[in-house]
Amino acid sequence: MIHIGASTKRNSDEEYYAGYFGEGFKIASLCALRDYKWHIEMKSKDWELEVVTTDINVDQEYLKSLAYRIWRKNSEERDSVLTIYPIDDKEMKMFECVMLSFFYEGNPLLGKKIFSGGPIALYYRSDTPKPYNYPQTNQYYGNGIIFAGFQALGSHPYDLVFCIHNYRNIDRERNNFFRMHVIDFVNSISTELPPAAAYKVLVALKDRWYDYPKKRYDFESWYQMVKNLTSIVGSYPKHKVKWKKQYPNLLVARKIDKKDIPGNNKRSQELVTKPISKVSFSPRWILETGLSGIRGFM
């Protein structure tokens, strides 16, 4: 019997990992061998293995089964090494896309770090474009990335990267997020940010300051996200002063009933005629935080 590895993921409260079902290498090897006809070798410590197939008899029927050919070596490897071949240019691009779809320090899709603490991390997006077929949220495309459990599972239109490293999904398929999942994900991060980080994210989401829920349960609005960030920034005098200096003409706008046609027409005209560089519009509750420079309502 040869011991071919052990998990470092057990009994660890401080580290987070992408894998947690315990079957990743087996499933990946099966797909690589069956679908791509790749040759797969793995070595670590004093052992090496080759992924092969063998015949098994199940109810008098011979089937192909995945198997490992394993042997020991006299010397030990410093690192674990995975070798896959033959690989053509198209498949190499696929590998590069897969590598970028996992979170790791140094991923070229990550820009400047905004915050990192415990299982949460937040970055600006770099100028590096996403590769073709990069994971994305249907009908919610853009530069933004959602890394859930170290894996890219969603997208959004803003130049921000939201990460929750200890995110766990009971679904082995790990399908891409729907838009409502993206909003729920970023909302859960917004309550955990320190004021300096909340300030930066709030500025980056300026296009969403005027968000109001369009229905009783609006799962696609950034309203709650902006509200959480505003509450954090407004709770710290230093950041409140900085905010009012940066946005001295912030105008608080009350919510208008959709049945109020004259009111909605007036609001539409105001949104068109007020230069966005001089006046920004935000919901009524922003007044309570003291972040509004103009204490008046439209």
C-alpha atoms as a PDB file:
ATOM      1  CA  MET A   1       0.000   0.000   0.000  1.00  0.00           C
ATOM      2  CA  ILE A   2       1.291   3.447  -0.971  1.00  0.00           C
ATOM      3  CA  HIS A   3       0.085   6.600   0.739  1.00  0.00           C
ATOM      4  CA  ILE A   4      -0.526   9.026  -2.130  1.00  0.00           C
ATOM      5  CA  GLY A   5      -1.412  12.190  -0.277  1.00  0.00           C
ATOM      6  CA  ALA A   6      -3.579  13.712   2.414  1.00  0.00           C
ATOM      7  CA  SER A   7      -5.730  16.793   2.720  1.00  0.00           C
ATOM      8  CA  THR A   8      -4.471  19.854   4.572  1.00  0.00           C
ATOM      9  CA  LYS A   9      -8.050  21.143   4.712  1.00  0.00           C
ATOM     10  CA  ARG A  10      -9.223  19.210   7.772  1.00  0.00           C
ATOM     11  CA  ASN A  11      -9.370  20.765  11.221  1.00  0.00           C
ATOM     12  CA  SER A  12      -8.382  24.196   9.978  1.00  0.00           C
ATOM     13  CA  ASP A  13     -10.416  27.194  11.113  1.00  0.00           C
ATOM     14  CA  GLU A  14      -8.114  29.828   9.658  1.00  0.00           C
ATOM     15  CA  GLU A  15      -7.505  28.632   6.086  1.00  0.00           C
ATOM     16  CA  TYR A  16      -9.991  28.545   3.228  1.00  0.00           C
ATOM     17  CA  TYR A  17      -9.876  26.331   0.144  1.00  0.00           C
ATOM     18  CA  ALA A  18     -11.578  26.057  -3.218  1.00  0.00           C
ATOM     19  CA  GLY A  19     -12.223  22.316  -2.915  1.00  0.00           C
ATOM     20  CA  TYR A  20     -14.362  20.715  -0.243  1.00  0.00           C
ATOM     21  CA  PHE A  21     -16.140  17.680  -1.743  1.00  0.00           C
ATOM     22  CA  GLY A  22     -12.984  15.541  -1.931  1.00  0.00           C
ATOM     23  CA  GLU A  23     -13.465  14.284  -5.468  1.00  0.00           C
ATOM     24  CA  GLY A  24     -11.980  17.019  -7.684  1.00  0.00           C
ATOM     25  CA  PHE A  25      -8.915  15.159  -8.956  1.00  0.00           C
ATOM     26  CA  LYS A  26     -10.896  12.003  -9.725  1.00  0.00           C
ATOM     27  CA  ILE A  27     -13.643  13.808 -11.668  1.00  0.00           C
ATOM     28  CA  ALA A  28     -11.141  16.031 -13.498  1.00  0.00           C
ATOM     29  CA  SER A  29      -9.037  12.985 -14.458  1.00  0.00           C
ATOM     30  CA  LEU A  30     -12.109  11.143 -15.715  1.00  0.00           C
ATOM     31  CA  CYS A  31     -13.178  14.065 -17.936  1.00  0.00           C
ATOM     32  CA  ALA A  32      -9.630  14.694 -19.192  1.00  0.00           C
ATOM     33  CA  LEU A  33      -9.119  11.065 -20.144  1.00  0.00           C
ATOM     34  CA  ARG A  34     -12.568  10.402 -21.550  1.00  0.00           C
ATOM     35  CA  ASP A  35     -13.314  13.691 -23.323  1.00  0.00           C
ATOM     36  CA  TYR A  36      -9.869  14.969 -24.335  1.00  0.00           C
ATOM     37  CA  LYS A  37      -7.774  11.793 -24.460  1.00  0.00           C
ATOM     38  CA  TRP A  38      -5.075  13.513 -22.396  1.00  0.00           C
ATOM     39  CA  HIS A  39      -2.271  11.669 -20.674  1.00  0.00           C
ATOM     40  CA  ILE A  40      -2.213  12.589 -16.957  1.00  0.00           C
ATOM     41  CA  GLU A  41       0.613  12.142 -14.492  1.00  0.00           C
ATOM     42  CA  MET A  42       0.913  13.330 -10.908  1.00  0.00           C
ATOM     43  CA  LYS A  43       3.853  13.216  -8.532  1.00  0.00           C
ATOM     44  CA  SER A  44       4.563  14.391  -5.014  1.00  0.00           C
ATOM     45  CA  LYS A  45       6.876  13.401  -2.165  1.00  0.00           C
ATOM     46  CA  ASP A  46       8.196   9.901  -2.970  1.00  0.00           C
ATOM     47  CA  TRP A  47       5.340   8.678  -5.157  1.00  0.00           C
ATOM     48  CA  GLU A  48       4.174   9.118  -8.735  1.00  0.00           C
ATOM     49  CA  LEU A  49       1.006   8.044 -10.483  1.00  0.00           C
ATOM     50  CA  GLU A  50      -0.378   7.761 -13.992  1.00  0.00           C
ATOM     51  CA  VAL A  51      -4.100   7.891 -14.718  1.00  0.00           C
ATOM     52  CA  VAL A  52      -5.169   4.819 -16.712  1.00  0.00           C
ATOM     53  CA  THR A  53      -8.238   2.671 -17.304  1.00  0.00           C
ATOM     54  CA  THR A  54      -8.886  -0.914 -16.410  1.00  0.00           C
ATOM     55  CA  ASP A  55     -11.611  -3.439 -17.217  1.00  0.00           C
ATOM     56  CA  ILE A  56     -14.036  -4.438 -14.498  1.00  0.00           C
ATOM     57  CA  ASN A  57     -16.799  -7.044 -14.513  1.00  0.00           C
ATOM     58  CA  VAL A  58     -20.187  -5.760 -13.326  1.00  0.00           C
ATOM     59  CA  ASP A  59     -23.013  -8.303 -13.541  1.00  0.00           C
ATOM     60  CA  GLN A  60     -21.250 -10.232 -16.276  1.00  0.00           C
ATOM     61  CA  GLU A  61     -20.654  -7.070 -18.269  1.00  0.00           C
ATOM     62  CA  TYR A  62     -17.162  -5.701 -18.813  1.00  0.00           C
ATOM     63  CA  LEU A  63     -16.839  -1.952 -18.288  1.00  0.00           C
ATOM     64  CA  LYS A  64     -14.011   0.580 -18.340  1.00  0.00           C
ATOM     65  CA  SER A  65     -13.048   2.016 -14.969  1.00  0.00           C
ATOM     66  CA  LEU A  66     -10.693   4.840 -14.000  1.00  0.00           C
ATOM     67  CA  ALA A  67      -7.558   3.591 -12.250  1.00  0.00           C
ATOM     68  CA  TYR A  68      -4.125   4.770 -11.086  1.00  0.00           C
ATOM     69  CA  ARG A  69      -0.824   3.119 -11.879  1.00  0.00           C
ATOM     70  CA  ILE A  70       1.343   4.025  -8.871  1.00  0.00           C
ATOM     71  CA  TRP A  71       5.002   3.567  -7.982  1.00  0.00           C
ATOM     72  CA  ARG A  72       7.523   4.779  -5.427  1.00  0.00           C
ATOM     73  CA  LYS A  73      10.711   6.728  -6.096  1.00  0.00           C
ATOM     74  CA  ASN A  74      14.004   6.822  -4.266  1.00  0.00           C
ATOM     75  CA  SER A  75      14.016  10.633  -4.110  1.00  0.00           C
ATOM     76  CA  GLU A  76      11.364  13.070  -2.888  1.00  0.00           C
ATOM     77  CA  GLU A  77       9.785  15.956  -4.796  1.00  0.00           C
ATOM     78  CA  ARG A  78       9.756  19.381  -3.172  1.00  0.00           C
ATOM     79  CA  ASP A  79       6.495  20.269  -4.920  1.00  0.00           C
ATOM     80  CA  SER A  80       3.462  18.468  -6.252  1.00  0.00           C
ATOM     81  CA  VAL A  81       3.677  18.332 -10.059  1.00  0.00           C
ATOM     82  CA  LEU A  82       0.805  17.672 -12.455  1.00  0.00           C
ATOM     83  CA  THR A  83       1.659  16.841 -16.079  1.00  0.00           C
ATOM     84  CA  ILE A  84      -0.953  16.771 -18.868  1.00  0.00           C
ATOM     85  CA  TYR A  85      -0.268  16.158 -22.554  1.00  0.00           C
ATOM     86  CA  PRO A  86      -0.691  16.508 -25.504  1.00  0.00           C
ATOM     87  CA  ILE A  87      -2.118  20.058 -25.401  1.00  0.00           C
ATOM     88  CA  ASP A  88      -2.817  22.179 -28.484  1.00  0.00           C
ATOM     89  CA  ASP A  89      -3.090  25.992 -28.645  1.00  0.00           C
ATOM     90  CA  LYS A  90      -6.868  26.022 -28.209  1.00  0.00           C
ATOM     91  CA  GLU A  91      -6.669  23.816 -25.144  1.00  0.00           C
ATOM     92  CA  MET A  92      -3.862  25.935 -23.730  1.00  0.00           C
ATOM     93  CA  LYS A  93      -6.090  29.018 -23.927  1.00  0.00           C
ATOM     94  CA  MET A  94      -8.772  27.066 -22.105  1.00  0.00           C
ATOM     95  CA  PHE A  95      -6.267  26.253 -19.330  1.00  0.00           C
ATOM     96  CA  GLU A  96      -5.295  29.913 -19.075  1.00  0.00           C
ATOM     97  CA  CYS A  97      -8.951  30.912 -18.753  1.00  0.00           C
ATOM     98  CA  VAL A  98      -9.488  28.309 -16.030  1.00  0.00           C
ATOM     99  CA  MET A  99      -6.454  29.546 -14.091  1.00  0.00           C
ATOM    100  CA  LEU A 100      -7.773  33.116 -14.197  1.00  0.00           C
ATOM    101  CA  SER A 101     -11.169  31.943 -12.970  1.00  0.00           C
ATOM    102  CA  PHE A 102      -9.656  31.038  -9.583  1.00  0.00           C
ATOM    103  CA  PHE A 103      -8.718  33.581  -6.959  1.00  0.00           C
ATOM    104  CA  TYR A 104      -5.053  33.822  -6.045  1.00  0.00           C
ATOM    105  CA  GLU A 105      -2.756  36.681  -5.100  1.00  0.00           C
ATOM    106  CA  GLY A 106      -1.164  37.808  -8.325  1.00  0.00           C
ATOM    107  CA  ASN A 107      -4.129  36.974 -10.563  1.00  0.00           C
ATOM    108  CA  PRO A 108      -3.683  39.591 -13.348  1.00  0.00           C
ATOM    109  CA  LEU A 109      -7.423  40.352 -13.292  1.00  0.00           C
ATOM    110  CA  LEU A 110      -7.044  41.818  -9.798  1.00  0.00           C
ATOM    111  CA  GLY A 111      -6.207  45.495  -9.469  1.00  0.00           C
ATOM    112  CA  LYS A 112      -5.327  47.432  -6.340  1.00  0.00           C
ATOM    113  CA  LYS A 113      -6.492  45.873  -3.077  1.00  0.00           C
ATOM    114  CA  ILE A 114      -9.236  47.794  -1.270  1.00  0.00           C
ATOM    115  CA  PHE A 115      -9.662  45.507   1.738  1.00  0.00           C
ATOM    116  CA  SER A 116      -8.747  42.030   2.931  1.00  0.00           C
ATOM    117  CA  GLY A 117      -9.740  40.551   6.266  1.00  0.00           C
ATOM    118  CA  GLY A 118     -10.726  37.020   7.266  1.00  0.00           C
ATOM    119  CA  PRO A 119     -12.724  35.377   4.471  1.00  0.00           C
ATOM    120  CA  ILE A 120     -13.527  38.681   2.733  1.00  0.00           C
ATOM    121  CA  ALA A 121     -11.428  40.483   0.125  1.00  0.00           C
ATOM    122  CA  LEU A 122     -12.191  43.387  -2.170  1.00  0.00           C
ATOM    123  CA  TYR A 123     -10.187  44.715  -5.122  1.00  0.00           C
ATOM    124  CA  TYR A 124     -10.464  47.112  -8.003  1.00  0.00           C
ATOM    125  CA  ARG A 125     -10.413  45.447 -11.418  1.00  0.00           C
ATOM    126  CA  SER A 126      -7.191  45.667 -13.387  1.00  0.00           C
ATOM    127  CA  ASP A 127      -7.025  46.725 -17.032  1.00  0.00           C
ATOM    128  CA  THR A 128      -6.452  43.095 -18.081  1.00  0.00           C
ATOM    129  CA  PRO A 129      -9.482  41.932 -20.107  1.00  0.00           C
ATOM    130  CA  LYS A 130     -11.316  38.774 -19.207  1.00  0.00           C
ATOM    131  CA  PRO A 131     -10.602  35.912 -21.610  1.00  0.00           C
ATOM    132  CA  TYR A 132     -13.231  34.417 -23.863  1.00  0.00           C
ATOM    133  CA  ASN A 133     -15.635  32.090 -22.033  1.00  0.00           C
ATOM    134  CA  TYR A 134     -14.758  33.529 -18.631  1.00  0.00           C
ATOM    135  CA  PRO A 135     -17.521  32.772 -16.064  1.00  0.00           C
ATOM    136  CA  GLN A 136     -20.204  35.445 -16.062  1.00  0.00           C
ATOM    137  CA  THR A 137     -23.749  36.154 -14.913  1.00  0.00           C
ATOM    138  CA  ASN A 138     -26.323  35.909 -17.664  1.00  0.00           C
ATOM    139  CA  GLN A 139     -27.532  39.347 -18.834  1.00  0.00           C
ATOM    140  CA  TYR A 140     -25.360  41.066 -16.224  1.00  0.00           C
ATOM    141  CA  TYR A 141     -22.077  41.329 -18.032  1.00  0.00           C
ATOM    142  CA  GLY A 142     -19.182  43.643 -17.307  1.00  0.00           C
ATOM    143  CA  ASN A 143     -15.672  43.921 -15.888  1.00  0.00           C
ATOM    144  CA  GLY A 144     -16.672  43.110 -12.306  1.00  0.00           C
ATOM    145  CA  ILE A 145     -15.996  39.659 -10.847  1.00  0.00           C
ATOM    146  CA  ILE A 146     -17.547  37.622  -8.024  1.00  0.00           C
ATOM    147  CA  PHE A 147     -15.143  35.108  -6.456  1.00  0.00           C
ATOM    148  CA  ALA A 148     -17.127  32.711  -4.267  1.00  0.00           C
ATOM    149  CA  GLY A 149     -15.050  30.078  -2.521  1.00  0.00           C
ATOM    150  CA  PHE A 150     -12.008  31.095  -4.637  1.00  0.00           C
ATOM    151  CA  GLN A 151     -13.910  30.447  -7.886  1.00  0.00           C
ATOM    152  CA  ALA A 152     -15.288  33.061 -10.294  1.00  0.00           C
ATOM    153  CA  LEU A 153     -19.044  32.474 -10.297  1.00  0.00           C
ATOM    154  CA  GLY A 154     -20.515  35.824 -11.287  1.00  0.00           C
ATOM    155  CA  SER A 155     -20.074  39.172 -13.017  1.00  0.00           C
ATOM    156  CA  HIS A 156     -21.391  42.730 -12.738  1.00  0.00           C
ATOM    157  CA  PRO A 157     -20.882  46.049 -14.587  1.00  0.00           C
ATOM    158  CA  TYR A 158     -18.555  47.783 -12.086  1.00  0.00           C
ATOM    159  CA  ASP A 159     -14.764  47.740 -11.837  1.00  0.00           C
ATOM    160  CA  LEU A 160     -14.757  45.882  -8.528  1.00  0.00           C
ATOM    161  CA  VAL A 161     -13.872  42.338  -7.479  1.00  0.00           C
ATOM    162  CA  PHE A 162     -15.855  40.950  -4.534  1.00  0.00           C
ATOM    163  CA  CYS A 163     -14.543  37.836  -2.741  1.00  0.00           C
ATOM    164  CA  ILE A 164     -15.862  35.589   0.025  1.00  0.00           C
ATOM    165  CA  HIS A 165     -13.324  32.799   0.443  1.00  0.00           C
ATOM    166  CA  ASN A 166     -15.346  30.625   2.823  1.00  0.00           C
ATOM    167  CA  TYR A 167     -18.438  30.596   0.600  1.00  0.00           C
ATOM    168  CA  ARG A 168     -19.849  27.085   0.326  1.00  0.00           C
ATOM    169  CA  ASN A 169     -22.368  25.771  -2.172  1.00  0.00           C
ATOM    170  CA  ILE A 170     -24.011  22.391  -1.659  1.00  0.00           C
ATOM    171  CA  ASP A 171     -24.346  22.029  -5.439  1.00  0.00           C
ATOM    172  CA  ARG A 172     -21.361  20.204  -6.944  1.00  0.00           C
ATOM    173  CA  GLU A 173     -22.039  21.812 -10.313  1.00  0.00           C
ATOM    174  CA  ARG A 174     -21.086  25.278  -8.983  1.00  0.00           C
ATOM    175  CA  ASN A 175     -23.145  27.022 -11.643  1.00  0.00           C
ATOM    176  CA  ASN A 176     -22.689  30.726 -12.313  1.00  0.00           C
ATOM    177  CA  PHE A 177     -24.689  33.130 -10.169  1.00  0.00           C
ATOM    178  CA  PHE A 178     -27.917  34.694 -11.319  1.00  0.00           C
ATOM    179  CA  ARG A 179     -28.187  38.459 -10.911  1.00  0.00           C
ATOM    180  CA  MET A 180     -30.162  38.131  -7.669  1.00  0.00           C
ATOM    181  CA  HIS A 181     -27.334  35.990  -6.249  1.00  0.00           C
ATOM    182  CA  VAL A 182     -24.760  38.642  -7.205  1.00  0.00           C
ATOM    183  CA  ILE A 183     -26.732  41.344  -5.367  1.00  0.00           C
ATOM    184  CA  ASP A 184     -27.175  39.145  -2.296  1.00  0.00           C
ATOM    185  CA  PHE A 185     -23.448  38.325  -2.344  1.00  0.00           C
ATOM    186  CA  VAL A 186     -22.260  41.940  -2.446  1.00  0.00           C
ATOM    187  CA  ASN A 187     -24.833  42.952   0.187  1.00  0.00           C
ATOM    188  CA  SER A 188     -23.362  40.423   2.606  1.00  0.00           C
ATOM    189  CA  ILE A 189     -19.895  41.914   2.073  1.00  0.00           C
ATOM    190  CA  SER A 190     -21.013  45.542   2.452  1.00  0.00           C
ATOM    191  CA  THR A 191     -21.900  45.155   6.141  1.00  0.00           C
ATOM    192  CA  GLU A 192     -18.408  43.851   6.996  1.00  0.00           C
ATOM    193  CA  LEU A 193     -16.292  46.627   5.503  1.00  0.00           C
ATOM    194  CA  PRO A 194     -14.343  49.208   7.524  1.00  0.00           C
ATOM    195  CA  PRO A 195     -15.157  52.875   6.760  1.00  0.00           C
ATOM    196  CA  ALA A 196     -12.166  53.516   4.473  1.00  0.00           C
ATOM    197  CA  ALA A 197     -13.081  50.544   2.273  1.00  0.00           C
ATOM    198  CA  ALA A 198     -16.803  51.376   2.371  1.00  0.00           C
ATOM    199  CA  TYR A 199     -15.957  54.894   1.195  1.00  0.00           C
ATOM    200  CA  LYS A 200     -14.013  53.635  -1.831  1.00  0.00           C
ATOM    201  CA  VAL A 201     -16.722  51.158  -2.830  1.00  0.00           C
ATOM    202  CA  LEU A 202     -19.457  53.787  -2.441  1.00  0.00           C
ATOM    203  CA  VAL A 203     -17.559  56.109  -4.780  1.00  0.00           C
ATOM    204  CA  ALA A 204     -17.113  53.280  -7.312  1.00  0.00           C
ATOM    205  CA  LEU A 205     -20.870  52.639  -7.229  1.00  0.00           C
ATOM    206  CA  LYS A 206     -21.832  56.263  -7.892  1.00  0.00           C
ATOM    207  CA  ASP A 207     -24.170  55.222 -10.709  1.00  0.00           C
ATOM    208  CA  ARG A 208     -26.225  53.345  -8.095  1.00  0.00           C
ATOM    209  CA  TRP A 209     -26.698  56.125  -5.549  1.00  0.00           C
ATOM    210  CA  TYR A 210     -30.130  56.906  -6.925  1.00  0.00           C
ATOM    211  CA  ASP A 211     -31.363  53.306  -6.740  1.00  0.00           C
ATOM    212  CA  TYR A 212     -34.762  52.617  -5.233  1.00  0.00           C
ATOM    213  CA  PRO A 213     -36.443  49.195  -5.121  1.00  0.00           C
ATOM    214  CA  LYS A 214     -38.908  49.005  -7.991  1.00  0.00           C
ATOM    215  CA  LYS A 215     -41.100  46.468  -6.207  1.00  0.00           C
ATOM    216  CA  ARG A 216     -41.686  45.161  -2.688  1.00  0.00           C
ATOM    217  CA  TYR A 217     -39.072  42.437  -3.031  1.00  0.00           C
ATOM    218  CA  ASP A 218     -36.526  43.753  -5.500  1.00  0.00           C
ATOM    219  CA  PHE A 219     -33.672  41.263  -5.609  1.00  0.00           C
ATOM    220  CA  GLU A 220     -31.813  43.100  -8.376  1.00  0.00           C
ATOM    221  CA  SER A 221     -31.457  46.566  -6.832  1.00  0.00           C
ATOM    222  CA  TRP A 222     -28.206  47.913  -5.326  1.00  0.00           C
ATOM    223  CA  TYR A 223     -30.279  50.011  -2.920  1.00  0.00           C
ATOM    224  CA  GLN A 224     -29.422  47.955   0.177  1.00  0.00           C
ATOM    225  CA  MET A 225     -25.734  47.836  -0.755  1.00  0.00           C
ATOM    226  CA  VAL A 226     -25.535  51.622  -1.068  1.00  0.00           C
ATOM    227  CA  LYS A 227     -27.529  52.075   2.128  1.00  0.00           C
ATOM    228  CA  ASN A 228     -25.176  49.801   4.083  1.00  0.00           C
ATOM    229  CA  LEU A 229     -22.078  51.585   2.785  1.00  0.00           C
ATOM    230  CA  THR A 230     -23.554  55.028   3.463  1.00  0.00           C
ATOM    231  CA  SER A 231     -24.382  54.065   7.039  1.00  0.00           C
ATOM    232  CA  ILE A 232     -20.798  52.944   7.630  1.00  0.00           C
ATOM    233  CA  VAL A 233     -19.208  56.052   6.103  1.00  0.00           C
ATOM    234  CA  GLY A 234     -21.635  58.379   7.877  1.00  0.00           C
ATOM    235  CA  SER A 235     -20.829  56.831  11.264  1.00  0.00           C
ATOM    236  CA  TYR A 236     -17.241  58.109  11.245  1.00  0.00           C
ATOM    237  CA  PRO A 237     -16.684  61.915  11.516  1.00  0.00           C
ATOM    238  CA  LYS A 238     -13.370  61.811   9.627  1.00  0.00           C
ATOM    239  CA  HIS A 239     -14.886  60.107   6.590  1.00  0.00           C
ATOM    240  CA  LYS A 240     -18.065  62.183   6.818  1.00  0.00           C
ATOM    241  CA  VAL A 241     -16.051  65.412   6.540  1.00  0.00           C
ATOM    242  CA  LYS A 242     -14.038  64.008   3.639  1.00  0.00           C
ATOM    243  CA  TRP A 243     -17.231  62.913   1.871  1.00  0.00           C
ATOM    244  CA  LYS A 244     -18.972  66.287   2.178  1.00  0.00           C
ATOM    245  CA  LYS A 245     -15.847  68.005   0.893  1.00  0.00           C
ATOM    246  CA  GLN A 246     -15.665  65.707  -2.119  1.00  0.00           C
ATOM    247  CA  TYR A 247     -19.419  65.897  -2.832  1.00  0.00           C
ATOM    248  CA  PRO A 248     -20.577  69.318  -1.568  1.00  0.00           C
ATOM    249  CA  ASN A 249     -23.636  69.416  -3.831  1.00  0.00           C
ATOM    250  CA  LEU A 250     -25.146  66.045  -3.014  1.00  0.00           C
ATOM    251  CA  LEU A 251     -28.894  66.478  -3.317  1.00  0.00           C
ATOM    252  CA  VAL A 252     -31.297  64.229  -1.449  1.00  0.00           C
ATOM    253  CA  ALA A 253     -34.204  63.097  -3.583  1.00  0.00           C
ATOM    254  CA  ARG A 254     -37.376  61.678  -2.101  1.00  0.00           C
ATOM    255  CA  LYS A 255     -39.005  58.656  -3.652  1.00  0.00           C
ATOM    256  CA  ILE A 256     -41.857  59.555  -5.979  1.00  0.00           C
ATOM    257  CA  ASP A 257     -44.916  57.364  -6.273  1.00  0.00           C
ATOM    258  CA  LYS A 258     -45.172  55.833  -9.725  1.00  0.00           C
ATOM    259  CA  LYS A 259     -48.757  57.127  -9.945  1.00  0.00           C
ATOM    260  CA  ASP A 260     -47.536  60.716  -9.529  1.00  0.00           C
ATOM    261  CA  ILE A 261     -47.081  61.478 -13.228  1.00  0.00           C
ATOM    262  CA  PRO A 262     -46.268  65.222 -12.863  1.00  0.00           C
ATOM    263  CA  GLY A 263     -43.764  64.416 -10.100  1.00  0.00           C
ATOM    264  CA  ASN A 264     -42.073  61.750 -12.176  1.00  0.00           C
ATOM    265  CA  ASN A 265     -41.893  64.057 -15.192  1.00  0.00           C
ATOM    266  CA  LYS A 266     -40.317  66.795 -13.079  1.00  0.00           C
ATOM    267  CA  ARG A 267     -37.792  64.336 -11.654  1.00  0.00           C
ATOM    268  CA  SER A 268     -36.859  63.097 -15.125  1.00  0.00           C
ATOM    269  CA  GLN A 269     -36.269  66.679 -16.237  1.00  0.00           C
ATOM    270  CA  GLU A 270     -34.104  67.368 -13.184  1.00  0.00           C
ATOM    271  CA  LEU A 271     -31.995  64.248 -13.807  1.00  0.00           C
ATOM    272  CA  VAL A 272     -31.387  65.391 -17.382  1.00  0.00           C
ATOM    273  CA  THR A 273     -30.684  69.071 -16.719  1.00  0.00           C
ATOM    274  CA  LYS A 274     -28.523  68.844 -13.561  1.00  0.00           C
ATOM    275  CA  PRO A 275     -24.832  68.276 -14.481  1.00  0.00           C
ATOM    276  CA  ILE A 276     -23.879  64.975 -12.844  1.00  0.00           C
ATOM    277  CA  SER A 277     -20.434  66.418 -12.063  1.00  0.00           C
ATOM    278  CA  LYS A 278     -22.021  69.091  -9.858  1.00  0.00           C
ATOM    279  CA  VAL A 279     -25.112  67.472  -8.393  1.00  0.00           C
ATOM    280  CA  SER A 280     -25.734  63.842  -7.475  1.00  0.00           C
ATOM    281  CA  PHE A 281     -29.042  62.385  -6.426  1.00  0.00           C
ATOM    282  CA  SER A 282     -29.511  59.975  -3.541  1.00  0.00           C
ATOM    283  CA  PRO A 283     -32.399  58.511  -1.540  1.00  0.00           C
ATOM    284  CA  ARG A 284     -33.935  60.345   1.419  1.00  0.00           C
ATOM    285  CA  TRP A 285     -32.246  58.180   4.058  1.00  0.00           C
ATOM    286  CA  ILE A 286     -28.805  59.486   3.099  1.00  0.00           C
ATOM    287  CA  LEU A 287     -29.785  62.728   4.876  1.00  0.00           C
ATOM    288  CA  GLU A 288     -29.893  60.880   8.207  1.00  0.00           C
ATOM    289  CA  THR A 289     -26.176  60.006   7.930  1.00  0.00           C
ATOM    290  CA  GLY A 290     -25.167  63.624   7.506  1.00  0.00           C
ATOM    291  CA  LEU A 291     -23.513  62.955   4.142  1.00  0.00           C
ATOM    292  CA  SER A 292     -25.738  65.333   2.212  1.00  0.00           C
ATOM    293  CA  GLY A 293     -24.313  68.769   1.522  1.00  0.00           C
ATOM    294  CA  ILE A 294     -27.708  70.187   0.557  1.00  0.00           C
ATOM    295  CA  ARG A 295     -30.434  69.629   3.131  1.00  0.00           C
ATOM    296  CA  GLY A 296     -33.320  69.988   0.734  1.00  0.00           C
ATOM    297  CA  PHE A 297     -35.666  67.690  -1.139  1.00  0.00           C
ATOM    298  CA  MET A 298     -36.761  67.688  -4.732  1.00  0.00           C
END
